[in-house]
Amino acid sequence: MEREETLCHCMEITKGELEDAIKEKKLTTVEQVQDETEAGTGCGSCVYDIQDLLDEINGNR
């Protein structure tokens, strides 16, 4: 998935926006990402993608 692709369709948030928020604010949980960006707070179908992104960025893979 490219940075400009929408990861959270309900809130229209791109992968790049989430990557930036996770890195800048040192987010480590889906709940923190939801609080900071509102991603994953609509239908919730992107929660697993958010967790995958967190794992990738924070080295949990």
N, C-alpha and C. Protein backbone atom coordinates (compact mmCIF):
# COMPACT_ATOMS: atom_id res chain seq x y z
N MET A 1 0.85 -1.18 0.00
CA MET A 1 0.00 0.00 0.00
C MET A 1 0.89 1.24 0.00
N GLU A 2 0.60 2.15 -0.89
CA GLU A 2 1.36 3.40 -1.01
C GLU A 2 0.88 4.41 0.03
N ARG A 3 1.74 5.37 0.35
CA ARG A 3 1.43 6.38 1.37
C ARG A 3 0.14 7.16 1.07
N GLU A 4 -0.12 7.39 -0.23
CA GLU A 4 -1.28 8.23 -0.58
C GLU A 4 -2.59 7.45 -0.63
N GLU A 5 -2.53 6.14 -0.46
CA GLU A 5 -3.75 5.34 -0.48
C GLU A 5 -4.52 5.50 0.83
N THR A 6 -5.84 5.52 0.71
CA THR A 6 -6.69 5.66 1.88
C THR A 6 -6.70 4.37 2.67
N LEU A 7 -6.35 4.46 3.95
CA LEU A 7 -6.38 3.30 4.82
C LEU A 7 -7.70 3.26 5.59
N CYS A 8 -8.15 4.41 6.08
CA CYS A 8 -9.43 4.50 6.77
C CYS A 8 -10.41 5.25 5.87
N HIS A 9 -11.33 4.51 5.29
CA HIS A 9 -12.26 5.11 4.33
C HIS A 9 -13.33 5.96 5.02
N CYS A 10 -13.76 5.57 6.19
CA CYS A 10 -14.79 6.34 6.90
C CYS A 10 -14.34 7.76 7.20
N MET A 11 -13.09 7.89 7.63
CA MET A 11 -12.55 9.19 8.01
C MET A 11 -11.64 9.79 6.94
N GLU A 12 -11.48 9.06 5.82
CA GLU A 12 -10.67 9.51 4.69
C GLU A 12 -9.24 9.86 5.11
N ILE A 13 -8.59 8.90 5.78
CA ILE A 13 -7.22 9.10 6.26
C ILE A 13 -6.30 8.16 5.50
N THR A 14 -5.21 8.72 4.99
CA THR A 14 -4.28 7.93 4.19
C THR A 14 -3.27 7.18 5.06
N LYS A 15 -2.64 6.21 4.45
CA LYS A 15 -1.58 5.47 5.13
C LYS A 15 -0.47 6.43 5.56
N GLY A 16 -0.11 7.36 4.70
CA GLY A 16 0.95 8.32 5.01
C GLY A 16 0.62 9.19 6.21
N GLU A 17 -0.62 9.63 6.30
CA GLU A 17 -1.03 10.45 7.45
C GLU A 17 -0.91 9.64 8.74
N LEU A 18 -1.28 8.38 8.68
CA LEU A 18 -1.17 7.52 9.87
C LEU A 18 0.29 7.25 10.21
N GLU A 19 1.10 6.98 9.20
CA GLU A 19 2.53 6.76 9.45
C GLU A 19 3.15 7.97 10.14
N ASP A 20 2.84 9.15 9.65
CA ASP A 20 3.39 10.38 10.22
C ASP A 20 2.95 10.57 11.67
N ALA A 21 1.66 10.34 11.95
CA ALA A 21 1.15 10.50 13.31
C ALA A 21 1.81 9.50 14.26
N ILE A 22 1.94 8.25 13.82
CA ILE A 22 2.55 7.21 14.66
C ILE A 22 4.00 7.57 14.99
N LYS A 23 4.74 8.01 13.99
CA LYS A 23 6.15 8.34 14.20
C LYS A 23 6.32 9.61 15.02
N GLU A 24 5.58 10.66 14.69
CA GLU A 24 5.75 11.95 15.37
C GLU A 24 5.32 11.91 16.83
N LYS A 25 4.24 11.17 17.10
CA LYS A 25 3.69 11.15 18.46
C LYS A 25 4.05 9.89 19.22
N LYS A 26 4.89 9.03 18.57
CA LYS A 26 5.35 7.78 19.20
C LYS A 26 4.19 6.93 19.70
N LEU A 27 3.20 6.75 18.82
CA LEU A 27 2.01 5.96 19.17
C LEU A 27 2.34 4.48 19.13
N THR A 28 1.76 3.73 20.05
CA THR A 28 2.05 2.29 20.12
C THR A 28 0.82 1.41 20.13
N THR A 29 -0.37 1.99 20.26
CA THR A 29 -1.59 1.19 20.28
C THR A 29 -2.62 1.73 19.29
N VAL A 30 -3.53 0.86 18.91
CA VAL A 30 -4.62 1.27 18.01
C VAL A 30 -5.44 2.36 18.68
N GLU A 31 -5.66 2.23 19.98
CA GLU A 31 -6.45 3.22 20.71
C GLU A 31 -5.80 4.61 20.66
N GLN A 32 -4.48 4.66 20.76
CA GLN A 32 -3.77 5.94 20.67
C GLN A 32 -3.94 6.54 19.27
N VAL A 33 -3.85 5.69 18.25
CA VAL A 33 -4.02 6.15 16.87
C VAL A 33 -5.44 6.68 16.69
N GLN A 34 -6.42 5.98 17.23
CA GLN A 34 -7.81 6.43 17.13
C GLN A 34 -8.00 7.78 17.81
N ASP A 35 -7.42 7.94 19.00
CA ASP A 35 -7.55 9.21 19.72
C ASP A 35 -6.91 10.37 18.97
N GLU A 36 -5.76 10.11 18.36
CA GLU A 36 -5.02 11.18 17.67
C GLU A 36 -5.58 11.50 16.28
N THR A 37 -6.08 10.49 15.56
CA THR A 37 -6.43 10.68 14.15
C THR A 37 -7.89 10.41 13.81
N GLU A 38 -8.62 9.74 14.67
CA GLU A 38 -9.99 9.27 14.45
C GLU A 38 -10.06 8.09 13.48
N ALA A 39 -8.92 7.64 12.96
CA ALA A 39 -8.91 6.46 12.09
C ALA A 39 -9.36 5.25 12.90
N GLY A 40 -10.21 4.43 12.30
CA GLY A 40 -10.69 3.23 12.96
C GLY A 40 -11.86 3.44 13.89
N THR A 41 -12.38 4.65 13.93
CA THR A 41 -13.49 4.94 14.85
C THR A 41 -14.85 4.92 14.16
N GLY A 42 -14.86 4.69 12.85
CA GLY A 42 -16.13 4.60 12.13
C GLY A 42 -16.61 3.16 12.16
N CYS A 43 -16.47 2.48 11.05
CA CYS A 43 -16.94 1.09 10.96
C CYS A 43 -15.98 0.12 11.62
N GLY A 44 -14.71 0.51 11.76
CA GLY A 44 -13.73 -0.33 12.43
C GLY A 44 -13.05 -1.36 11.55
N SER A 45 -13.37 -1.40 10.28
CA SER A 45 -12.79 -2.43 9.40
C SER A 45 -11.29 -2.24 9.17
N CYS A 46 -10.75 -1.07 9.46
CA CYS A 46 -9.33 -0.81 9.22
C CYS A 46 -8.47 -1.03 10.47
N VAL A 47 -9.08 -1.43 11.58
CA VAL A 47 -8.34 -1.59 12.83
C VAL A 47 -7.18 -2.57 12.67
N TYR A 48 -7.39 -3.67 11.95
CA TYR A 48 -6.31 -4.64 11.74
C TYR A 48 -5.19 -4.04 10.89
N ASP A 49 -5.55 -3.22 9.92
CA ASP A 49 -4.53 -2.54 9.11
C ASP A 49 -3.74 -1.54 9.94
N ILE A 50 -4.41 -0.85 10.85
CA ILE A 50 -3.72 0.08 11.74
C ILE A 50 -2.75 -0.68 12.63
N GLN A 51 -3.18 -1.83 13.16
CA GLN A 51 -2.29 -2.63 13.99
C GLN A 51 -1.09 -3.12 13.20
N ASP A 52 -1.31 -3.55 11.97
CA ASP A 52 -0.20 -3.98 11.11
C ASP A 52 0.79 -2.84 10.90
N LEU A 53 0.28 -1.64 10.68
CA LEU A 53 1.13 -0.47 10.47
C LEU A 53 1.92 -0.15 11.74
N LEU A 54 1.26 -0.22 12.88
CA LEU A 54 1.95 0.00 14.16
C LEU A 54 3.08 -1.02 14.34
N ASP A 55 2.79 -2.28 14.07
CA ASP A 55 3.80 -3.33 14.21
C ASP A 55 4.98 -3.08 13.29
N GLU A 56 4.68 -2.68 12.07
CA GLU A 56 5.74 -2.42 11.09
C GLU A 56 6.63 -1.26 11.54
N ILE A 57 6.02 -0.17 11.95
CA ILE A 57 6.77 1.02 12.32
C ILE A 57 7.52 0.83 13.64
N ASN A 58 6.90 0.16 14.58
CA ASN A 58 7.50 0.00 15.91
C ASN A 58 8.34 -1.25 16.04
N GLY A 59 8.57 -1.95 14.92
CA GLY A 59 9.48 -3.08 14.92
C GLY A 59 8.95 -4.34 15.57
N ASN A 60 7.64 -4.52 15.57
CA ASN A 60 7.05 -5.71 16.17
C ASN A 60 6.84 -6.82 15.14
N ARG A 61 7.55 -6.76 14.05
CA ARG A 61 7.47 -7.79 13.01
C ARG A 61 8.82 -8.37 12.80
